[in-house]
Amino acid sequence: MIELVIFDCDGVLIDSEVLSFAVDTQVLAGHGIEMTADVLARRYGGVSYGEMIAQLNDQHTTAIDAVAYQAECEGVLEGLFETDLRAISGISDVLKSLAVPCCVASASDLARLDKCLGVTGLLEFFGPRIFSVEEVKHGKPAPDIFLHAANECGFTPERSIVIEDSPAGIVAAQAAGMRAVGFLGGGHRSPEDADILMDAGAEDVVGNGAELHRYLANIGLVMAA
């Protein structure tokens, strides 16, 4: 029986990844790394700036400073989030209808989570149940953030289900001993990405907020109308 729904934030609750990866392509080009937003989303969705930069430095023999890189990207994104950031279509209906508690477990820092969820009108659904990778030792695909979130909310891993848009997040949920559902409702995802989420270990993949609502209703996590 599932007693807790754990949501990733970027690409699941808010349509931020399409903005973030567009900025990444611009900033990385300045460091001599040419990658499309689609490739970045498939390879690095769900991981922290530090982990992404560490991998890119290794692959491209560059020496990008992760802290400076994150600051540069977030400086650009701050303005974009104020004007262009939106909640994922249909996600507020999902949150309103849940029959069990929910929380957020994200690779973003707490300040960004608070701002983005506030701008999109979703903050009220979570209260203090918002958790960041900055609170744990290892980011996704390690299970730390999901185990931390479940523990803080008072639930065991086997009674928790994770909604994730990235392979790293699905792997992390599996490692935590939790069920995981892949989500393709963000602007950075397409139906063709279902395979990477299933290959990572998702029990199923849903395409948008309405499909997620039906999925959760089918497993008894949505209040009767």
Protein backbone atom coordinates (compact mmCIF):
# COMPACT_ATOMS: atom_id res chain seq x y z
CA MET A 1 0.00 0.00 0.00
CA ILE A 2 1.39 3.39 -1.00
CA GLU A 3 1.22 6.09 1.67
CA LEU A 4 3.50 8.81 0.22
CA VAL A 5 3.90 10.30 -3.26
CA ILE A 6 7.33 11.85 -3.86
CA PHE A 7 7.55 14.33 -6.73
CA ASP A 8 10.68 15.45 -8.47
CA CYS A 9 10.34 19.18 -9.17
CA ASP A 10 11.97 20.27 -12.42
CA GLY A 11 10.15 18.70 -15.35
CA VAL A 12 7.46 17.12 -13.16
CA LEU A 13 5.90 19.96 -11.16
CA ILE A 14 7.31 22.92 -13.07
CA ASP A 15 8.23 23.20 -16.75
CA SER A 16 11.71 24.49 -15.99
CA GLU A 17 13.96 21.97 -17.69
CA VAL A 18 13.24 23.27 -21.18
CA LEU A 19 14.42 26.70 -19.99
CA SER A 20 17.38 25.37 -18.03
CA PHE A 21 18.84 23.24 -20.79
CA ALA A 22 18.46 26.07 -23.31
CA VAL A 23 20.61 28.21 -21.01
CA ASP A 24 23.07 25.34 -20.54
CA THR A 25 23.66 25.09 -24.29
CA GLN A 26 24.55 28.79 -24.43
CA VAL A 27 26.85 28.76 -21.41
CA LEU A 28 28.59 25.51 -22.39
CA ALA A 29 29.23 26.87 -25.88
CA GLY A 30 31.24 29.63 -24.23
CA HIS A 31 33.44 26.90 -22.75
CA GLY A 32 33.88 25.19 -26.10
CA ILE A 33 31.32 22.41 -25.55
CA GLU A 34 28.65 22.23 -28.24
CA MET A 35 25.64 20.16 -27.14
CA THR A 36 21.96 20.46 -27.95
CA ALA A 37 19.33 20.89 -25.25
CA ASP A 38 17.81 17.52 -26.20
CA VAL A 39 21.09 15.69 -25.66
CA LEU A 40 21.68 17.46 -22.35
CA ALA A 41 18.18 16.54 -21.17
CA ARG A 42 18.64 12.87 -22.00
CA ARG A 43 22.08 12.62 -20.43
CA TYR A 44 21.91 14.94 -17.45
CA GLY A 45 18.28 15.40 -16.51
CA GLY A 46 17.84 15.00 -12.77
CA VAL A 47 21.49 15.41 -11.78
CA SER A 48 23.04 18.40 -10.04
CA TYR A 49 25.12 21.08 -11.74
CA GLY A 50 28.19 19.74 -9.96
CA GLU A 51 27.72 16.20 -11.19
CA MET A 52 26.98 17.32 -14.76
CA ILE A 53 30.04 19.55 -14.92
CA ALA A 54 32.26 16.84 -13.42
CA GLN A 55 31.18 14.44 -16.17
CA LEU A 56 31.56 17.04 -18.92
CA ASN A 57 35.01 18.05 -17.71
CA ASP A 58 36.06 14.41 -17.81
CA GLN A 59 34.63 13.82 -21.27
CA HIS A 60 35.90 17.03 -22.87
CA THR A 61 39.13 17.55 -20.89
CA THR A 62 37.87 20.96 -19.81
CA ALA A 63 38.26 22.63 -16.41
CA ILE A 64 34.92 24.37 -15.91
CA ASP A 65 34.38 25.50 -12.32
CA ALA A 66 31.04 24.04 -11.26
CA VAL A 67 30.24 26.74 -8.71
CA ALA A 68 30.89 29.57 -11.16
CA TYR A 69 29.01 27.72 -13.89
CA GLN A 70 25.94 27.26 -11.68
CA ALA A 71 26.00 30.92 -10.68
CA GLU A 72 26.18 32.01 -14.32
CA CYS A 73 23.29 29.78 -15.38
CA GLU A 74 21.11 30.69 -12.43
CA GLY A 75 21.74 34.38 -13.03
CA VAL A 76 20.21 34.04 -16.48
CA LEU A 77 17.45 31.72 -15.30
CA GLU A 78 16.33 34.05 -12.52
CA GLY A 79 14.86 36.47 -15.02
CA LEU A 80 13.41 33.71 -17.21
CA PHE A 81 11.69 32.07 -14.27
CA GLU A 82 10.01 35.34 -13.33
CA THR A 83 8.53 35.76 -16.81
CA ASP A 84 8.34 32.34 -18.49
CA LEU A 85 8.15 29.64 -15.83
CA ARG A 86 4.88 27.70 -15.65
CA ALA A 87 3.54 24.75 -13.68
CA ILE A 88 3.27 21.53 -15.67
CA SER A 89 -0.15 21.38 -17.29
CA GLY A 90 -2.61 19.42 -15.14
CA ILE A 91 -0.25 18.95 -12.20
CA SER A 92 -2.23 21.18 -9.82
CA ASP A 93 -5.29 18.97 -10.42
CA VAL A 94 -3.20 15.95 -9.45
CA LEU A 95 -2.01 17.60 -6.26
CA LYS A 96 -5.50 18.76 -5.29
CA SER A 97 -6.92 15.27 -5.67
CA LEU A 98 -4.31 13.19 -3.83
CA ALA A 99 -5.68 11.02 -1.04
CA VAL A 100 -2.25 10.55 0.58
CA PRO A 101 0.54 12.94 1.64
CA CYS A 102 3.05 14.17 -0.91
CA CYS A 103 6.45 15.86 -0.89
CA VAL A 104 9.15 17.23 -3.21
CA ALA A 105 12.63 15.68 -3.55
CA SER A 106 14.80 17.57 -5.99
CA ALA A 107 18.35 18.11 -7.26
CA SER A 108 17.71 21.87 -7.05
CA ASP A 109 18.69 23.89 -3.98
CA LEU A 110 16.10 24.92 -1.41
CA ALA A 111 16.12 28.61 -2.33
CA ARG A 112 15.38 27.83 -5.96
CA LEU A 113 12.69 25.31 -5.03
CA ASP A 114 10.95 27.82 -2.78
CA LYS A 115 11.03 30.50 -5.46
CA CYS A 116 9.96 28.31 -8.37
CA LEU A 117 7.13 26.61 -6.52
CA GLY A 118 5.99 30.00 -5.28
CA VAL A 119 6.03 31.60 -8.74
CA THR A 120 3.99 28.72 -10.17
CA GLY A 121 1.46 28.60 -7.31
CA LEU A 122 2.41 25.11 -6.14
CA LEU A 123 4.12 25.91 -2.85
CA GLU A 124 0.90 25.61 -0.85
CA PHE A 125 0.59 21.91 -1.64
CA PHE A 126 3.81 20.96 0.15
CA GLY A 127 4.41 23.22 3.12
CA PRO A 128 7.64 22.11 4.85
CA ARG A 129 7.77 18.84 2.87
CA ILE A 130 10.31 20.13 0.34
CA PHE A 131 13.71 18.44 0.24
CA SER A 132 16.87 19.24 -1.67
CA VAL A 133 19.97 17.32 -2.63
CA GLU A 134 21.92 19.93 -0.68
CA GLU A 135 20.61 18.22 2.48
CA VAL A 136 22.20 14.85 1.67
CA LYS A 137 25.65 13.51 0.83
CA HIS A 138 25.04 12.19 -2.67
CA GLY A 139 22.74 13.36 -5.47
CA LYS A 140 20.77 11.24 -7.91
CA PRO A 141 21.26 8.51 -9.11
CA ALA A 142 22.16 7.73 -5.49
CA PRO A 143 19.04 7.09 -3.36
CA ASP A 144 19.94 9.59 -0.61
CA ILE A 145 17.42 12.33 -1.39
CA PHE A 146 14.46 9.95 -1.65
CA LEU A 147 15.37 8.09 1.53
CA HIS A 148 15.77 11.42 3.31
CA ALA A 149 12.39 12.68 2.07
CA ALA A 150 10.53 9.52 3.09
CA ASN A 151 12.20 9.45 6.50
CA GLU A 152 11.42 13.11 7.21
CA CYS A 153 7.79 12.54 6.21
CA GLY A 154 7.55 9.46 8.43
CA PHE A 155 7.09 6.76 5.78
CA THR A 156 9.07 3.70 4.75
CA PRO A 157 10.57 3.37 1.24
CA GLU A 158 8.38 0.43 0.30
CA ARG A 159 5.27 2.53 0.96
CA SER A 160 6.48 5.40 -1.23
CA ILE A 161 6.16 6.05 -4.96
CA VAL A 162 8.30 8.49 -6.94
CA ILE A 163 7.26 10.54 -9.98
CA GLU A 164 10.35 11.34 -12.07
CA ASP A 165 11.21 12.66 -15.52
CA SER A 166 14.86 11.57 -15.60
CA PRO A 167 16.69 8.23 -15.79
CA ALA A 168 18.90 9.31 -12.88
CA GLY A 169 15.82 9.90 -10.75
CA ILE A 170 14.28 6.55 -11.68
CA VAL A 171 17.53 4.75 -10.81
CA ALA A 172 17.66 6.62 -7.50
CA ALA A 173 14.10 5.60 -6.65
CA GLN A 174 14.85 1.98 -7.48
CA ALA A 175 17.96 2.09 -5.32
CA ALA A 176 15.85 3.48 -2.47
CA GLY A 177 13.47 0.52 -2.74
CA MET A 178 10.60 2.65 -4.00
CA ARG A 179 8.21 2.30 -6.89
CA ALA A 180 8.87 4.78 -9.70
CA VAL A 181 6.73 6.21 -12.50
CA GLY A 182 8.30 8.02 -15.46
CA PHE A 183 6.81 11.37 -16.49
CA LEU A 184 7.00 12.96 -19.95
CA GLY A 185 4.87 16.06 -19.40
CA GLY A 186 7.74 18.58 -19.42
CA GLY A 187 8.59 20.58 -22.52
CA HIS A 188 12.03 18.94 -22.70
CA ARG A 189 10.58 15.47 -23.10
CA SER A 190 8.95 13.65 -26.02
CA PRO A 191 7.15 10.28 -26.33
CA GLU A 192 10.39 8.81 -27.69
CA ASP A 193 11.96 9.33 -24.26
CA ALA A 194 9.72 6.68 -22.70
CA ASP A 195 12.31 4.02 -23.48
CA ILE A 196 15.07 5.65 -21.42
CA LEU A 197 12.78 5.85 -18.39
CA MET A 198 11.57 2.26 -18.75
CA ASP A 199 15.14 1.05 -19.25
CA ALA A 200 16.11 2.87 -16.05
CA GLY A 201 13.49 0.85 -14.14
CA ALA A 202 10.21 2.77 -14.21
CA GLU A 203 7.19 0.56 -13.64
CA ASP A 204 5.32 2.63 -16.22
CA VAL A 205 5.55 5.96 -18.06
CA VAL A 206 2.82 8.61 -18.33
CA GLY A 207 2.74 11.37 -20.90
CA ASN A 208 1.14 14.31 -19.10
CA GLY A 209 -0.71 15.51 -16.01
CA ALA A 210 -4.01 13.94 -17.01
CA GLU A 211 -2.39 10.54 -17.55
CA LEU A 212 -0.63 10.80 -14.21
CA HIS A 213 -3.95 11.58 -12.53
CA ARG A 214 -5.50 8.46 -14.06
CA TYR A 215 -2.51 6.34 -13.12
CA LEU A 216 -2.61 7.41 -9.49
CA ALA A 217 -6.38 6.98 -9.41
CA ASN A 218 -6.01 3.41 -10.68
CA ILE A 219 -3.73 2.54 -7.75
CA GLY A 220 -6.02 4.18 -5.21
CA LEU A 221 -4.09 7.38 -4.49
CA VAL A 222 -6.70 9.87 -5.70
CA MET A 223 -9.81 10.92 -3.80
CA ALA A 224 -13.14 9.91 -5.33
CA ALA A 225 -14.86 12.74 -7.17
